[in-house]
N, C-alpha and C. Protein backbone atom coordinates (compact mmCIF):
# COMPACT_ATOMS: atom_id res chain seq x y z
N MET A 1 45.15 25.25 206.90
CA MET A 1 44.37 24.26 206.21
C MET A 1 43.25 23.74 207.10
N LEU A 2 43.59 23.50 208.32
CA LEU A 2 42.60 22.96 209.25
C LEU A 2 41.45 23.93 209.47
N SER A 3 41.74 25.21 209.51
CA SER A 3 40.69 26.21 209.75
C SER A 3 39.74 26.34 208.56
N LEU A 4 40.12 25.88 207.39
CA LEU A 4 39.26 25.94 206.21
C LEU A 4 38.22 24.83 206.15
N LEU A 5 38.41 23.75 206.90
CA LEU A 5 37.52 22.60 206.80
C LEU A 5 36.04 22.91 207.04
N PRO A 6 35.67 23.64 208.08
CA PRO A 6 34.23 23.90 208.27
C PRO A 6 33.58 24.57 207.06
N CYS A 7 34.27 25.48 206.44
CA CYS A 7 33.73 26.17 205.26
C CYS A 7 33.67 25.23 204.06
N LEU A 8 34.70 24.44 203.85
CA LEU A 8 34.76 23.55 202.70
C LEU A 8 33.80 22.37 202.81
N LEU A 9 33.50 21.94 204.03
CA LEU A 9 32.68 20.75 204.22
C LEU A 9 31.21 21.04 204.48
N THR A 10 30.81 22.30 204.45
CA THR A 10 29.41 22.64 204.65
C THR A 10 28.59 22.06 203.51
N ASN A 11 27.60 21.24 203.86
CA ASN A 11 26.76 20.60 202.86
C ASN A 11 25.32 20.60 203.33
N GLU A 12 24.53 21.48 202.79
CA GLU A 12 23.12 21.57 203.17
C GLU A 12 22.32 20.38 202.67
N ALA A 13 22.84 19.67 201.66
CA ALA A 13 22.13 18.51 201.12
C ALA A 13 22.08 17.38 202.15
N PHE A 14 23.12 17.30 203.00
CA PHE A 14 23.14 16.29 204.05
C PHE A 14 22.79 16.94 205.38
N LYS A 15 21.53 16.96 205.69
CA LYS A 15 21.08 17.49 206.97
C LYS A 15 19.97 16.57 207.45
N PRO A 16 20.27 15.74 208.45
CA PRO A 16 19.26 14.78 208.93
C PRO A 16 17.98 15.46 209.39
N GLU A 17 16.87 14.78 209.19
CA GLU A 17 15.58 15.28 209.63
C GLU A 17 15.55 15.41 211.16
N ASP A 18 14.88 16.41 211.66
CA ASP A 18 14.71 16.66 213.11
C ASP A 18 16.03 16.95 213.84
N LEU A 19 17.05 17.40 213.13
CA LEU A 19 18.31 17.74 213.78
C LEU A 19 18.13 19.04 214.56
N ALA A 20 18.43 19.00 215.85
CA ALA A 20 18.31 20.20 216.70
C ALA A 20 19.62 20.99 216.69
N VAL A 21 20.75 20.29 216.85
CA VAL A 21 22.05 20.97 216.91
C VAL A 21 23.16 20.01 216.49
N SER A 22 24.19 20.59 215.86
CA SER A 22 25.38 19.87 215.47
C SER A 22 26.56 20.56 216.15
N ILE A 23 27.32 19.79 216.95
CA ILE A 23 28.40 20.37 217.76
C ILE A 23 29.74 19.77 217.35
N ASN A 24 30.74 20.64 217.13
CA ASN A 24 32.10 20.17 216.87
C ASN A 24 32.62 19.56 218.17
N TYR A 25 32.82 18.25 218.17
CA TYR A 25 33.20 17.53 219.38
C TYR A 25 34.71 17.38 219.51
N GLY A 26 35.43 17.62 218.39
CA GLY A 26 36.89 17.56 218.46
C GLY A 26 37.51 16.92 217.23
N LEU A 27 38.82 16.70 217.31
CA LEU A 27 39.60 16.12 216.22
C LEU A 27 40.48 15.00 216.75
N ASP A 28 40.70 14.03 215.91
CA ASP A 28 41.67 12.96 216.18
C ASP A 28 42.56 12.81 214.95
N ARG A 29 43.78 12.44 215.16
CA ARG A 29 44.72 12.09 214.10
C ARG A 29 44.75 13.09 212.95
N VAL A 30 45.18 14.27 213.21
CA VAL A 30 45.37 15.28 212.16
C VAL A 30 46.78 15.10 211.60
N ARG A 31 46.87 14.93 210.27
CA ARG A 31 48.17 14.75 209.63
C ARG A 31 48.32 15.77 208.50
N PHE A 32 49.36 16.56 208.57
CA PHE A 32 49.70 17.51 207.52
C PHE A 32 50.76 16.84 206.65
N LEU A 33 50.39 16.45 205.45
CA LEU A 33 51.27 15.63 204.62
C LEU A 33 52.14 16.43 203.65
N ARG A 34 51.68 17.61 203.26
CA ARG A 34 52.46 18.44 202.35
C ARG A 34 51.97 19.89 202.44
N PRO A 35 52.83 20.84 202.10
CA PRO A 35 52.42 22.25 202.16
C PRO A 35 51.46 22.59 201.02
N VAL A 36 50.68 23.64 201.23
CA VAL A 36 49.78 24.16 200.20
C VAL A 36 50.31 25.54 199.82
N ARG A 37 50.65 25.70 198.57
CA ARG A 37 51.20 26.97 198.10
C ARG A 37 50.09 28.01 197.92
N VAL A 38 50.42 29.27 198.13
CA VAL A 38 49.48 30.37 197.96
C VAL A 38 48.94 30.34 196.53
N GLY A 39 47.62 30.47 196.41
CA GLY A 39 46.98 30.48 195.10
C GLY A 39 46.59 29.10 194.58
N SER A 40 46.90 28.04 195.33
CA SER A 40 46.53 26.69 194.91
C SER A 40 45.02 26.49 195.00
N GLN A 41 44.50 25.66 194.11
CA GLN A 41 43.09 25.29 194.17
C GLN A 41 42.98 24.06 195.05
N ILE A 42 42.09 24.13 196.04
CA ILE A 42 41.93 23.02 196.97
C ILE A 42 40.48 22.56 197.02
N ARG A 43 40.28 21.35 197.49
CA ARG A 43 38.94 20.83 197.75
C ARG A 43 39.04 19.87 198.92
N ALA A 44 37.91 19.68 199.57
CA ALA A 44 37.86 18.75 200.71
C ALA A 44 36.85 17.66 200.42
N ARG A 45 37.19 16.46 200.83
CA ARG A 45 36.28 15.32 200.75
C ARG A 45 36.06 14.82 202.17
N GLN A 46 34.88 14.26 202.38
CA GLN A 46 34.54 13.78 203.71
C GLN A 46 33.79 12.46 203.59
N LYS A 47 34.13 11.51 204.46
CA LYS A 47 33.36 10.26 204.49
C LYS A 47 33.14 9.86 205.94
N ILE A 48 31.96 9.35 206.20
CA ILE A 48 31.61 8.91 207.55
C ILE A 48 32.29 7.57 207.82
N THR A 49 33.00 7.49 208.94
CA THR A 49 33.71 6.26 209.29
C THR A 49 33.06 5.51 210.45
N ALA A 50 32.31 6.22 211.31
CA ALA A 50 31.65 5.56 212.44
C ALA A 50 30.52 6.43 212.97
N VAL A 51 29.48 5.76 213.45
CA VAL A 51 28.35 6.43 214.10
C VAL A 51 28.05 5.67 215.38
N GLU A 52 27.99 6.39 216.49
CA GLU A 52 27.78 5.75 217.79
C GLU A 52 26.71 6.52 218.56
N GLU A 53 25.71 5.81 219.07
CA GLU A 53 24.68 6.45 219.88
C GLU A 53 25.21 6.62 221.30
N LYS A 54 25.24 7.88 221.77
CA LYS A 54 25.72 8.17 223.11
C LYS A 54 24.62 8.02 224.15
N LYS A 55 23.44 8.57 223.83
CA LYS A 55 22.23 8.39 224.62
C LYS A 55 21.07 8.67 223.69
N ALA A 56 19.86 8.53 224.15
CA ALA A 56 18.69 8.70 223.29
C ALA A 56 18.71 10.07 222.61
N GLY A 57 18.71 10.07 221.28
CA GLY A 57 18.68 11.32 220.52
C GLY A 57 20.01 12.01 220.33
N HIS A 58 21.11 11.43 220.85
CA HIS A 58 22.44 12.02 220.72
C HIS A 58 23.39 11.00 220.06
N TRP A 59 23.98 11.41 218.95
CA TRP A 59 24.85 10.52 218.19
C TRP A 59 26.21 11.17 217.99
N ARG A 60 27.26 10.39 218.15
CA ARG A 60 28.62 10.85 217.86
C ARG A 60 29.02 10.28 216.50
N VAL A 61 29.38 11.17 215.60
CA VAL A 61 29.72 10.78 214.23
C VAL A 61 31.18 11.10 213.97
N ARG A 62 31.92 10.11 213.49
CA ARG A 62 33.32 10.30 213.13
C ARG A 62 33.41 10.34 211.61
N THR A 63 34.11 11.33 211.09
CA THR A 63 34.30 11.44 209.65
C THR A 63 35.78 11.67 209.36
N GLU A 64 36.20 11.18 208.20
CA GLU A 64 37.56 11.41 207.74
C GLU A 64 37.51 12.51 206.68
N ALA A 65 38.21 13.58 206.90
CA ALA A 65 38.26 14.69 205.97
C ALA A 65 39.63 14.70 205.30
N THR A 66 39.62 14.82 203.97
CA THR A 66 40.85 14.86 203.19
C THR A 66 40.89 16.16 202.41
N LEU A 67 41.96 16.91 202.56
CA LEU A 67 42.15 18.15 201.82
C LEU A 67 43.11 17.88 200.67
N GLU A 68 42.62 18.11 199.43
CA GLU A 68 43.41 17.82 198.24
C GLU A 68 43.77 19.11 197.52
N VAL A 69 44.93 19.09 196.85
CA VAL A 69 45.40 20.22 196.06
C VAL A 69 45.37 19.80 194.59
N LYS A 70 44.78 20.65 193.75
CA LYS A 70 44.67 20.34 192.33
C LYS A 70 46.06 20.13 191.73
N GLY A 71 46.20 19.01 191.00
CA GLY A 71 47.46 18.70 190.35
C GLY A 71 48.44 17.92 191.19
N GLU A 72 48.12 17.66 192.45
CA GLU A 72 49.00 16.90 193.34
C GLU A 72 48.47 15.48 193.51
N ASN A 73 49.38 14.52 193.61
CA ASN A 73 48.98 13.11 193.78
C ASN A 73 48.65 12.76 195.22
N GLN A 74 49.29 13.43 196.15
CA GLN A 74 49.13 13.13 197.58
C GLN A 74 48.30 14.23 198.22
N PRO A 75 47.38 13.86 199.15
CA PRO A 75 46.61 14.90 199.85
C PRO A 75 47.52 15.77 200.72
N ALA A 76 47.06 16.99 200.98
CA ALA A 76 47.82 17.92 201.81
C ALA A 76 47.57 17.66 203.29
N MET A 77 46.36 17.19 203.62
CA MET A 77 46.01 16.97 205.02
C MET A 77 44.92 15.92 205.12
N ILE A 78 44.99 15.12 206.17
CA ILE A 78 43.94 14.16 206.50
C ILE A 78 43.65 14.32 207.99
N ALA A 79 42.36 14.42 208.33
CA ALA A 79 41.98 14.61 209.73
C ALA A 79 40.72 13.80 210.04
N GLU A 80 40.62 13.33 211.26
CA GLU A 80 39.42 12.65 211.73
C GLU A 80 38.63 13.65 212.57
N LEU A 81 37.43 13.98 212.10
CA LEU A 81 36.57 14.94 212.79
C LEU A 81 35.52 14.19 213.59
N ILE A 82 35.19 14.73 214.75
CA ILE A 82 34.15 14.13 215.60
C ILE A 82 33.06 15.17 215.81
N THR A 83 31.83 14.80 215.51
CA THR A 83 30.69 15.71 215.63
C THR A 83 29.63 15.04 216.48
N LEU A 84 28.99 15.82 217.34
CA LEU A 84 27.89 15.33 218.15
C LEU A 84 26.61 15.90 217.56
N LEU A 85 25.68 15.01 217.20
CA LEU A 85 24.40 15.42 216.66
C LEU A 85 23.33 15.16 217.70
N ALA A 86 22.51 16.18 217.95
CA ALA A 86 21.39 16.04 218.88
C ALA A 86 20.09 16.27 218.12
N PHE A 87 19.14 15.37 218.29
CA PHE A 87 17.88 15.44 217.58
C PHE A 87 16.75 15.85 218.52
N LYS A 88 15.72 16.42 217.92
CA LYS A 88 14.54 16.88 218.69
C LYS A 88 13.77 15.72 219.25
């Protein structure tokens, strides 16, 4: 499930102007709450929880990613992703 997040969360609509590079900085608090059965339909949601300027032109962004399974009340996984954005 965790390996699917980069593919599921790719969103070209959200791309800040003058972005030079986006780097996967790591993960915090990954929780696997329930199994995902083969053939299940899944989707991922993402929301920004914090933005911190590290130095001029470099920002650390924390997002909460939730992986949901169609027809289930509880998410299958919740993870906090950390990304470093560097601007031109």
